[in-house]
């Protein structure tokens, strides 16, 4: 059961013989007052009611109160739930925002932990995408979108983690692969205790990258080759032209950045017209997906892919073969999965009888080979699009918009996790993204209201001048 929410007690007078309310002691321009006035949290938390039994159990604190409390922790970068409860107890604005009067006792920090476990990742996802639907209704979202990822430090220490002392052969013999990590389980016996089992986790098949036993979902990754690797998670996000986060997810730091994009495109509240990203997303599979969806991709071609995305001069590309300048056929042959390329080969008799043999054939080869990407057509479209003025404009905008969004998330505390395990960290990411979108929406609505007021004042003044 959910405890009914008393929406009026917080705005009632503080004492019997006074007209003062709790809100009267808060700055009228306070961020929390603007958020409360502009957005309907009751509608936002409706999907969470399914997580509660409707007619059994002790009444639980209303989900809207706890969502508001978590939003306070995200907006003001409060680092723990204990400190959050203390801050709500001491801060009048926080109390008012969470529907607590001056006399109400603040809930225990463990209540927030149980709430997160109750609604889970799907609950936080519903909150985030529910608010994005409201932004869509207000006409704030743009179909021009930008993809990027960043690393979020895990809430674990790397001290005490050491590589396996086994040889590579011994490690591979004993290790069990589970959820893309390698586990070594050994019996553990202590005097006066029952026998138990000790598990050690490693990221690689050689046992050189040990993982934390308290959070094995955190993986080793470095921000740049010059920096020391750290245990972290990977935040993947799609941002629109206005700087709103339209879709996001957390993945293992060892996962390819581009792999989350197809799912995020499907989850976005509106279909992108364009998607701009850096060379980390220059993968033929992603380009093909975007082309099939009718989305123009503005993504640079990585230097390592250059050899597989162009046909030699004079050769003509067809879907299953190439034609050389002399009209001879090079048939599609071996597929190389590591490079994701096909090899096209001519017949030896055609090459040996060709008048251009000495100029065309490399030394020591008896026939011509050409290796092309399996996504050759997608790369050709990209080469043409990347020469356009639109591509240059989108790449300039991408850096400004995306870097601004991630900088804002860092200020909100999303540079380091507070929680552990992939699903809980993902919940924290949805909360940080929700806080970011709410702050940006408040600023835009405020600017729009100021612009309308200015235009109305200008029309009034011009009308007065005209009557004179």
Protein backbone atom coordinates (compact mmCIF):
# COMPACT_ATOMS: atom_id res chain seq x y z
CA UNK A 1 0.00 0.00 0.00
CA UNK A 2 1.02 3.63 -0.56
CA UNK A 3 0.55 6.21 2.12
CA UNK A 4 -1.74 9.01 0.83
CA UNK A 5 0.11 12.22 -0.02
CA UNK A 6 -1.02 15.29 1.90
CA UNK A 7 -0.52 18.00 -0.72
CA UNK A 8 -1.89 20.85 1.40
CA UNK A 9 -0.18 20.52 4.77
CA UNK A 10 3.10 21.96 3.49
CA UNK A 11 1.31 25.15 2.36
CA UNK A 12 -0.72 25.60 5.52
CA UNK A 13 0.20 28.21 8.14
CA UNK A 14 3.01 27.31 10.52
CA UNK A 15 1.19 28.27 13.73
CA UNK A 16 -2.32 29.04 14.85
CA UNK A 17 -1.99 32.83 15.10
CA UNK A 18 0.15 33.56 12.04
CA UNK A 19 -0.30 33.73 8.27
CA UNK A 20 3.27 32.67 7.57
CA UNK A 21 3.79 29.48 5.58
CA UNK A 22 6.92 27.39 5.09
CA UNK A 23 7.16 28.62 1.50
CA UNK A 24 7.30 32.24 2.66
CA UNK A 25 10.79 31.60 4.03
CA UNK A 26 12.08 30.34 0.66
CA UNK A 27 13.37 32.58 -2.15
CA UNK A 28 10.55 32.83 -4.76
CA UNK A 29 13.16 32.27 -7.49
CA UNK A 30 14.50 29.09 -5.85
CA UNK A 31 15.12 26.28 -8.37
CA UNK A 32 12.93 23.80 -6.45
CA UNK A 33 9.96 26.21 -6.44
CA UNK A 34 10.30 26.71 -10.21
CA UNK A 35 10.47 22.94 -10.76
CA UNK A 36 7.42 22.35 -8.55
CA UNK A 37 5.38 25.00 -10.39
CA UNK A 38 6.28 23.97 -13.93
CA UNK A 39 6.02 20.16 -13.83
CA UNK A 40 3.42 17.65 -12.66
CA UNK A 41 5.22 15.05 -10.54
CA UNK A 42 1.98 13.21 -9.79
CA UNK A 43 1.69 12.23 -13.45
CA UNK A 44 5.40 11.46 -13.63
CA UNK A 45 5.33 8.87 -10.82
CA UNK A 46 2.10 7.14 -11.92
CA UNK A 47 3.98 4.20 -13.55
CA UNK A 48 5.65 3.45 -10.18
CA UNK A 49 2.35 2.63 -8.46
CA UNK A 50 2.40 -0.83 -10.08
CA UNK A 51 5.41 -1.67 -7.86
CA UNK A 52 3.22 -1.47 -4.73
CA UNK A 53 0.51 -3.84 -3.52
CA UNK A 54 -2.81 -1.90 -3.70
CA UNK A 55 -4.50 -3.30 -0.58
CA UNK A 56 -1.97 -5.15 1.64
CA UNK A 57 0.95 -4.32 3.87
CA UNK A 58 1.99 -1.34 5.94
CA UNK A 59 1.47 1.97 4.10
CA UNK A 60 4.69 3.00 2.36
CA UNK A 61 5.96 6.55 1.96
CA UNK A 62 4.52 7.96 -1.24
CA UNK A 63 6.73 7.40 -4.27
CA UNK A 64 6.50 11.08 -5.24
CA UNK A 65 8.16 12.08 -1.95
CA UNK A 66 11.07 9.70 -2.54
CA UNK A 67 11.46 10.70 -6.19
CA UNK A 68 11.61 14.34 -5.12
CA UNK A 69 14.20 13.47 -2.46
CA UNK A 70 16.36 11.61 -4.99
CA UNK A 71 16.03 14.54 -7.37
CA UNK A 72 17.32 16.83 -4.60
CA UNK A 73 20.35 14.54 -4.16
CA UNK A 74 21.05 14.70 -7.91
CA UNK A 75 20.50 18.45 -8.31
CA UNK A 76 22.69 19.37 -5.35
CA UNK A 77 25.26 16.55 -5.65
CA UNK A 78 24.62 15.08 -2.20
CA UNK A 79 27.00 12.14 -2.01
CA UNK A 80 25.11 9.67 0.20
CA UNK A 81 21.59 8.86 1.34
CA UNK A 82 22.50 9.54 4.98
CA UNK A 83 23.65 13.04 4.06
CA UNK A 84 20.54 13.49 1.93
CA UNK A 85 18.22 12.77 4.86
CA UNK A 86 20.25 15.14 7.04
CA UNK A 87 20.12 17.86 4.39
CA UNK A 88 16.35 17.52 4.02
CA UNK A 89 15.99 17.75 7.79
CA UNK A 90 18.01 20.98 7.97
CA UNK A 91 16.99 22.75 4.75
CA UNK A 92 13.57 24.45 4.59
CA UNK A 93 13.43 24.40 0.78
CA UNK A 94 14.23 20.68 0.69
CA UNK A 95 11.52 19.98 3.30
CA UNK A 96 8.93 21.95 1.37
CA UNK A 97 9.84 20.29 -1.94
CA UNK A 98 9.48 16.81 -0.35
CA UNK A 99 6.04 17.59 1.20
CA UNK A 100 7.40 17.70 4.76
CA UNK A 101 6.23 20.28 7.26
CA UNK A 102 8.51 21.86 9.84
CA UNK A 103 7.37 19.29 12.41
CA UNK A 104 7.56 16.13 10.25
CA UNK A 105 10.31 13.62 10.89
CA UNK A 106 12.48 12.79 7.88
CA UNK A 107 12.39 9.18 6.70
CA UNK A 108 15.40 6.91 7.32
CA UNK A 109 18.11 6.60 4.67
CA UNK A 110 17.38 2.86 4.32
CA UNK A 111 13.93 3.77 2.97
CA UNK A 112 15.58 5.19 -0.16
CA UNK A 113 17.60 1.99 -0.63
CA UNK A 114 14.45 -0.14 -0.39
CA UNK A 115 12.67 2.22 -2.80
CA UNK A 116 15.42 1.81 -5.43
CA UNK A 117 15.25 -1.97 -5.08
CA UNK A 118 11.44 -1.88 -5.30
CA UNK A 119 11.05 0.14 -8.50
CA UNK A 120 14.31 -1.08 -10.07
CA UNK A 121 15.85 0.03 -13.34
CA UNK A 122 12.53 -0.05 -15.18
CA UNK A 123 11.03 2.38 -12.68
CA UNK A 124 13.80 4.95 -13.15
CA UNK A 125 13.64 4.42 -16.89
CA UNK A 126 9.90 5.16 -16.80
CA UNK A 127 10.57 8.39 -14.87
CA UNK A 128 13.19 9.55 -17.37
CA UNK A 129 11.27 8.73 -20.54
CA UNK A 130 8.01 9.98 -19.01
CA UNK A 131 9.59 13.40 -18.53
CA UNK A 132 10.96 13.29 -22.08
CA UNK A 133 7.41 12.75 -23.34
CA UNK A 134 6.47 15.95 -21.51
CA UNK A 135 9.37 17.75 -23.21
CA UNK A 136 8.13 16.42 -26.55
CA UNK A 137 4.62 17.71 -25.80
CA UNK A 138 6.08 21.14 -25.02
CA UNK A 139 7.91 21.12 -28.36
CA UNK A 140 11.37 21.32 -26.78
CA UNK A 141 13.01 18.32 -28.48
CA UNK A 142 14.81 18.43 -31.82
CA UNK A 143 15.26 15.59 -34.37
CA UNK A 144 18.91 16.61 -34.86
CA UNK A 145 20.81 14.37 -32.45
CA UNK A 146 24.35 13.67 -31.27
CA UNK A 147 25.80 10.48 -29.77
CA UNK A 148 28.72 10.12 -27.42
CA UNK A 149 29.92 8.25 -24.36
CA UNK A 150 31.94 8.98 -21.25
CA UNK A 151 33.43 7.01 -18.38
CA UNK A 152 32.00 7.10 -14.85
CA UNK A 153 34.32 6.01 -12.05
CA UNK A 154 33.05 3.02 -10.07
CA UNK A 155 32.47 3.24 -6.32
CA UNK A 156 35.24 0.74 -5.56
CA UNK A 157 38.92 0.82 -4.71
CA UNK A 158 41.60 -0.84 -6.82
CA UNK A 159 43.87 -1.32 -3.80
CA UNK A 160 44.47 -4.95 -2.93
CA UNK A 161 43.61 -6.14 -6.44
CA UNK A 162 46.49 -8.08 -7.96
CA UNK A 163 46.86 -10.24 -11.08
CA UNK A 164 46.57 -13.99 -10.83
CA UNK A 165 49.78 -15.76 -9.83
CA UNK A 166 48.92 -18.70 -12.11
CA UNK A 167 50.45 -19.21 -15.51
CA UNK A 168 48.21 -18.42 -18.47
CA UNK A 169 47.69 -22.14 -19.10
CA UNK A 170 46.73 -22.84 -15.47
CA UNK A 171 44.38 -19.86 -15.39
CA UNK A 172 42.59 -20.86 -18.60
CA UNK A 173 42.19 -24.39 -17.27
CA UNK A 174 40.60 -23.30 -13.96
CA UNK A 175 38.72 -20.14 -14.96
CA UNK A 176 34.99 -20.25 -15.75
CA UNK A 177 33.57 -17.61 -18.08
CA UNK A 178 30.41 -15.98 -16.70
CA UNK A 179 28.78 -12.80 -18.05
CA UNK A 180 31.89 -11.92 -20.07
CA UNK A 181 34.23 -12.16 -17.08
CA UNK A 182 36.43 -15.00 -15.81
CA UNK A 183 35.87 -16.48 -12.35
CA UNK A 184 38.19 -18.59 -10.25
CA UNK A 185 36.44 -20.41 -7.39
CA UNK A 186 38.53 -22.03 -4.69
CA UNK A 187 37.55 -23.68 -1.38
CA UNK A 188 38.10 -21.55 1.71
CA UNK A 189 38.48 -23.03 5.18
CA UNK A 190 38.88 -21.10 8.41
CA UNK A 191 39.27 -22.51 11.87
CA UNK A 192 35.97 -22.81 13.69
CA UNK A 193 33.88 -22.07 10.57
CA UNK A 194 32.15 -24.17 7.96
CA UNK A 195 33.95 -24.64 4.62
CA UNK A 196 33.07 -21.99 2.07
CA UNK A 197 34.03 -20.92 -1.42
CA UNK A 198 36.08 -17.88 -2.43
CA UNK A 199 35.52 -16.28 -5.83
CA UNK A 200 37.98 -14.07 -7.68
CA UNK A 201 37.00 -12.16 -10.80
CA UNK A 202 39.11 -11.19 -13.81
CA UNK A 203 38.35 -9.17 -16.92
CA UNK A 204 40.72 -10.93 -19.32
CA UNK A 205 41.33 -14.62 -20.17
CA UNK A 206 44.93 -14.41 -18.89
CA UNK A 207 44.12 -13.30 -15.35
CA UNK A 208 46.02 -10.02 -15.60
CA UNK A 209 43.08 -7.66 -14.92
CA UNK A 210 41.52 -8.43 -11.52
CA UNK A 211 38.04 -7.08 -10.76
CA UNK A 212 36.64 -5.89 -7.44
CA UNK A 213 34.75 -8.62 -5.52
CA UNK A 214 32.23 -6.03 -4.22
CA UNK A 215 31.37 -4.84 -7.74
CA UNK A 216 32.58 -7.17 -10.51
CA UNK A 217 30.48 -5.21 -13.04
CA UNK A 218 33.04 -2.38 -12.91
CA UNK A 219 35.65 -2.89 -15.63
CA UNK A 220 39.12 -1.54 -16.33
CA UNK A 221 39.32 1.30 -18.85
CA UNK A 222 41.49 4.35 -19.41
CA UNK A 223 40.38 7.85 -20.39
CA UNK A 224 43.40 8.20 -22.68
CA UNK A 225 46.59 6.23 -23.42
CA UNK A 226 48.59 8.63 -21.24
CA UNK A 227 46.41 8.05 -18.14
CA UNK A 228 46.30 5.17 -15.70
CA UNK A 229 43.39 2.71 -16.18
CA UNK A 230 40.58 2.78 -13.62
CA UNK A 231 37.59 0.66 -12.70
CA UNK A 232 34.58 2.38 -14.22
CA UNK A 233 31.34 2.18 -16.18
CA UNK A 234 30.49 3.59 -19.60
CA UNK A 235 27.68 6.14 -19.95
CA UNK A 236 26.19 6.14 -23.47
CA UNK A 237 23.90 9.01 -24.42
CA UNK A 238 22.06 10.55 -27.34
CA UNK A 239 21.58 14.32 -27.00
CA UNK A 240 19.39 16.58 -29.12
CA UNK A 241 20.28 19.98 -30.59
CA UNK A 242 18.89 21.77 -27.54
CA UNK A 243 21.13 19.85 -25.14
CA UNK A 244 18.45 17.52 -23.76
CA UNK A 245 19.38 13.89 -23.15
CA UNK A 246 16.79 11.98 -25.21
CA UNK A 247 18.12 8.46 -24.55
CA UNK A 248 20.87 6.93 -22.42
CA UNK A 249 22.12 3.78 -20.77
CA UNK A 250 25.06 2.48 -18.76
CA UNK A 251 27.18 -0.38 -20.11
CA UNK A 252 30.32 -2.22 -19.10
CA UNK A 253 33.35 -0.04 -19.76
CA UNK A 254 34.85 -2.81 -21.92
CA UNK A 255 31.92 -2.69 -24.38
CA UNK A 256 32.23 -0.97 -27.75
CA UNK A 257 30.75 2.52 -27.61
CA UNK A 258 28.65 2.14 -30.76
CA UNK A 259 26.83 -1.03 -29.65
CA UNK A 260 24.32 0.82 -27.46
CA UNK A 261 23.21 3.25 -30.19
CA UNK A 262 20.63 1.12 -32.11
CA UNK A 263 18.68 0.44 -28.91
CA UNK A 264 18.89 4.08 -27.82
CA UNK A 265 17.62 5.25 -31.22
CA UNK A 266 14.56 3.04 -30.75
CA UNK A 267 13.96 4.38 -27.23
CA UNK A 268 14.22 8.06 -28.18
CA UNK A 269 10.88 9.92 -27.88
CA UNK A 270 11.12 11.02 -31.54
CA UNK A 271 12.95 9.59 -34.54
CA UNK A 272 16.27 11.30 -35.31
CA UNK A 273 16.70 12.95 -38.70
CA UNK A 274 20.47 13.13 -38.27
CA UNK A 275 22.92 11.51 -35.87
CA UNK A 276 26.39 12.99 -35.40
CA UNK A 277 29.21 11.21 -33.56
CA UNK A 278 33.01 10.95 -33.44
CA UNK A 279 35.29 8.29 -34.90
CA UNK A 280 34.55 5.89 -32.00
CA UNK A 281 31.25 5.25 -33.78
CA UNK A 282 32.77 4.79 -37.26
CA UNK A 283 31.60 1.20 -37.64
CA UNK A 284 30.04 -0.14 -40.80
CA UNK A 285 27.36 -2.06 -38.91
CA UNK A 286 26.14 1.10 -37.19
CA UNK A 287 26.25 3.07 -40.45
CA UNK A 288 24.12 0.43 -42.16
CA UNK A 289 21.61 0.44 -39.31
CA UNK A 290 21.25 4.22 -39.49
CA UNK A 291 20.89 4.15 -43.28
CA UNK A 292 18.18 1.47 -43.02
CA UNK A 293 16.34 3.68 -40.50
CA UNK A 294 16.53 6.69 -42.83
CA UNK A 295 18.85 8.58 -40.47
CA UNK A 296 21.64 10.67 -41.98
CA UNK A 297 24.88 9.80 -40.15
CA UNK A 298 27.57 12.46 -39.80
CA UNK A 299 30.47 10.32 -38.57
CA UNK A 300 34.14 10.62 -39.61
CA UNK A 301 35.83 7.67 -41.29
CA UNK A 302 38.57 6.26 -39.08
CA UNK A 303 42.07 6.23 -40.56
CA UNK A 304 42.34 2.46 -39.97
CA UNK A 305 39.32 1.89 -42.21
CA UNK A 306 40.61 3.88 -45.17
CA UNK A 307 42.13 0.88 -46.97
CA UNK A 308 38.88 -1.06 -46.96
CA UNK A 309 36.46 1.64 -48.06
CA UNK A 310 37.85 2.65 -51.46
CA UNK A 311 38.15 0.77 -54.75
CA UNK A 312 41.41 1.09 -56.67
CA UNK A 313 41.35 3.62 -59.49
CA UNK A 314 39.66 2.29 -62.60
CA UNK A 315 37.92 -0.63 -60.85
CA UNK A 316 34.11 -0.64 -60.74
CA UNK A 317 32.21 -1.95 -57.72
CA UNK A 318 29.21 -4.27 -58.03
CA UNK A 319 27.46 -6.03 -55.18
CA UNK A 320 29.16 -9.43 -55.66
CA UNK A 321 32.14 -8.62 -57.88
CA UNK A 322 34.51 -5.94 -59.20
CA UNK A 323 35.33 -5.10 -62.80
CA UNK A 324 38.89 -4.07 -63.65
CA UNK A 325 39.77 -1.37 -66.27
CA UNK A 326 40.22 -4.14 -68.86
CA UNK A 327 36.74 -5.52 -68.23
CA UNK A 328 37.80 -8.64 -66.28
CA UNK A 329 35.83 -9.88 -63.26
CA UNK A 330 37.17 -10.05 -59.67
CA UNK A 331 34.82 -12.36 -57.75
CA UNK A 332 33.94 -11.86 -54.10
CA UNK A 333 35.70 -14.53 -52.04
CA UNK A 334 37.03 -14.97 -48.52
CA UNK A 335 35.48 -13.03 -45.62
CA UNK A 336 37.87 -11.84 -42.87
CA UNK A 337 35.80 -11.34 -39.69
CA UNK A 338 38.57 -9.59 -37.77
CA UNK A 339 38.78 -6.77 -40.35
CA UNK A 340 35.13 -7.22 -41.45
CA UNK A 341 36.23 -7.28 -45.10
CA UNK A 342 35.76 -9.40 -48.22
CA UNK A 343 38.56 -10.32 -50.58
CA UNK A 344 37.94 -9.97 -54.33
CA UNK A 345 40.17 -12.02 -56.60
CA UNK A 346 40.72 -12.10 -60.37
CA UNK A 347 41.40 -15.26 -62.39
CA UNK A 348 45.08 -16.01 -62.85
CA UNK A 349 44.73 -16.56 -66.58
CA UNK A 350 43.07 -13.16 -67.01
CA UNK A 351 45.85 -11.37 -65.16
CA UNK A 352 48.69 -13.23 -66.92
CA UNK A 353 47.26 -12.46 -70.35
CA UNK A 354 46.55 -8.79 -69.53
CA UNK A 355 48.57 -6.09 -71.29
CA UNK A 356 48.62 -4.01 -68.07
CA UNK A 357 50.00 -6.86 -65.96
CA UNK A 358 53.27 -5.18 -65.02
CA UNK A 359 51.57 -1.93 -63.96
CA UNK A 360 48.63 -3.55 -62.16
CA UNK A 361 50.03 -6.63 -60.41
CA UNK A 362 52.12 -6.18 -57.24
CA UNK A 363 55.47 -8.01 -57.23
CA UNK A 364 55.41 -11.79 -56.63
CA UNK A 365 51.62 -12.03 -57.24
CA UNK A 366 50.18 -13.92 -60.19
CA UNK A 367 46.69 -12.41 -59.96
CA UNK A 368 45.11 -9.26 -58.52
CA UNK A 369 43.49 -9.17 -55.08
CA UNK A 370 41.47 -6.31 -53.59
CA UNK A 371 40.14 -6.25 -50.03
CA UNK A 372 36.97 -4.22 -49.35
CA UNK A 373 34.81 -3.59 -46.31
CA UNK A 374 31.59 -5.57 -46.00
CA UNK A 375 29.91 -2.17 -45.61
CA UNK A 376 31.51 -0.60 -48.66
CA UNK A 377 28.34 1.14 -49.85
CA UNK A 378 27.73 2.70 -46.44
CA UNK A 379 31.30 4.04 -46.36
CA UNK A 380 30.93 5.45 -49.87
CA UNK A 381 27.82 7.38 -48.81
CA UNK A 382 29.74 8.58 -45.76
CA UNK A 383 32.64 9.82 -47.89
CA UNK A 384 30.27 11.89 -50.03
CA UNK A 385 28.32 13.23 -47.03
CA UNK A 386 31.50 14.08 -45.13
CA UNK A 387 32.55 16.47 -47.89
CA UNK A 388 29.45 18.61 -47.38
CA UNK A 389 29.09 21.88 -45.49
CA UNK A 390 26.33 20.29 -43.36
CA UNK A 391 28.84 17.71 -42.09
CA UNK A 392 31.27 20.42 -40.98
CA UNK A 393 28.52 22.37 -39.22
CA UNK A 394 27.20 19.28 -37.40
CA UNK A 395 30.67 18.25 -36.23
CA UNK A 396 31.29 21.72 -34.78
CA UNK A 397 27.93 21.69 -33.01
CA UNK A 398 28.48 18.16 -31.69
CA UNK A 399 31.54 19.09 -29.70
CA UNK A 400 29.88 22.11 -28.10
CA UNK A 401 26.58 20.41 -27.30
CA UNK A 402 27.82 17.01 -26.11
CA UNK A 403 30.74 18.33 -24.10
CA UNK A 404 28.39 20.81 -22.44
CA UNK A 405 25.97 18.04 -21.46
CA UNK A 406 28.69 15.82 -19.97
CA UNK A 407 30.18 18.80 -18.12
CA UNK A 408 26.75 19.45 -16.58
CA UNK A 409 26.44 15.79 -15.58
CA UNK A 410 29.86 16.00 -13.91
CA UNK A 411 28.69 19.00 -11.89
CA UNK A 412 25.65 16.98 -10.83
CA UNK A 413 28.00 14.33 -9.45
CA UNK A 414 27.76 11.86 -12.33
CA UNK A 415 31.54 11.62 -12.63
CA UNK A 416 31.62 8.92 -9.96
CA UNK A 417 29.01 6.34 -8.96
CA UNK A 418 27.38 6.29 -5.55
CA UNK A 419 25.88 2.82 -6.08
CA UNK A 420 27.29 -0.54 -7.20
CA UNK A 421 26.33 -3.17 -9.80
CA UNK A 422 25.30 -2.42 -13.37
CA UNK A 423 21.55 -2.07 -12.82
CA UNK A 424 21.89 0.21 -9.79
CA UNK A 425 24.45 2.41 -11.53
CA UNK A 426 22.03 2.60 -14.49
CA UNK A 427 19.31 3.79 -12.07
CA UNK A 428 21.68 6.50 -10.87
CA UNK A 429 22.38 7.48 -14.47
CA UNK A 430 18.66 7.86 -15.25
CA UNK A 431 18.31 10.08 -12.18
CA UNK A 432 21.27 12.30 -13.21
CA UNK A 433 19.89 12.60 -16.76
CA UNK A 434 16.42 13.46 -15.40
CA UNK A 435 17.93 16.18 -13.18
CA UNK A 436 19.86 17.58 -16.15
CA UNK A 437 16.78 17.68 -18.38
CA UNK A 438 14.65 19.28 -15.65
CA UNK A 439 17.21 22.04 -15.03
CA UNK A 440 17.53 22.76 -18.76
CA UNK A 441 13.74 22.75 -19.24
CA UNK A 442 13.28 25.22 -16.36
CA UNK A 443 15.83 27.59 -17.90
CA UNK A 444 14.24 27.38 -21.35
CA UNK A 445 10.70 27.91 -20.01
CA UNK A 446 11.91 30.84 -17.93
CA UNK A 447 13.64 32.40 -20.94
CA UNK A 448 10.55 31.84 -23.09
CA UNK A 449 8.29 33.47 -20.48
CA UNK A 450 10.65 36.46 -20.24
CA UNK A 451 10.67 36.80 -24.03
CA UNK A 452 6.85 36.71 -24.20
CA UNK A 453 6.60 39.31 -21.43
CA UNK A 454 9.10 41.55 -23.22
CA UNK A 455 7.20 41.28 -26.51
CA UNK A 456 3.92 42.08 -24.77
CA UNK A 457 5.48 45.12 -23.10
CA UNK A 458 6.92 46.26 -26.43
CA UNK A 459 3.53 45.94 -28.16
CA UNK A 460 1.91 47.91 -25.35
CA UNK A 461 4.46 50.71 -25.64
CA UNK A 462 4.08 50.84 -29.43
CA UNK A 463 0.30 50.97 -29.04
CA UNK A 464 0.57 53.88 -26.63
CA UNK A 465 2.88 55.74 -29.05
CA UNK A 466 0.43 55.13 -31.90
CA UNK A 467 -2.53 56.54 -29.92
CA UNK A 468 -0.55 59.66 -29.11
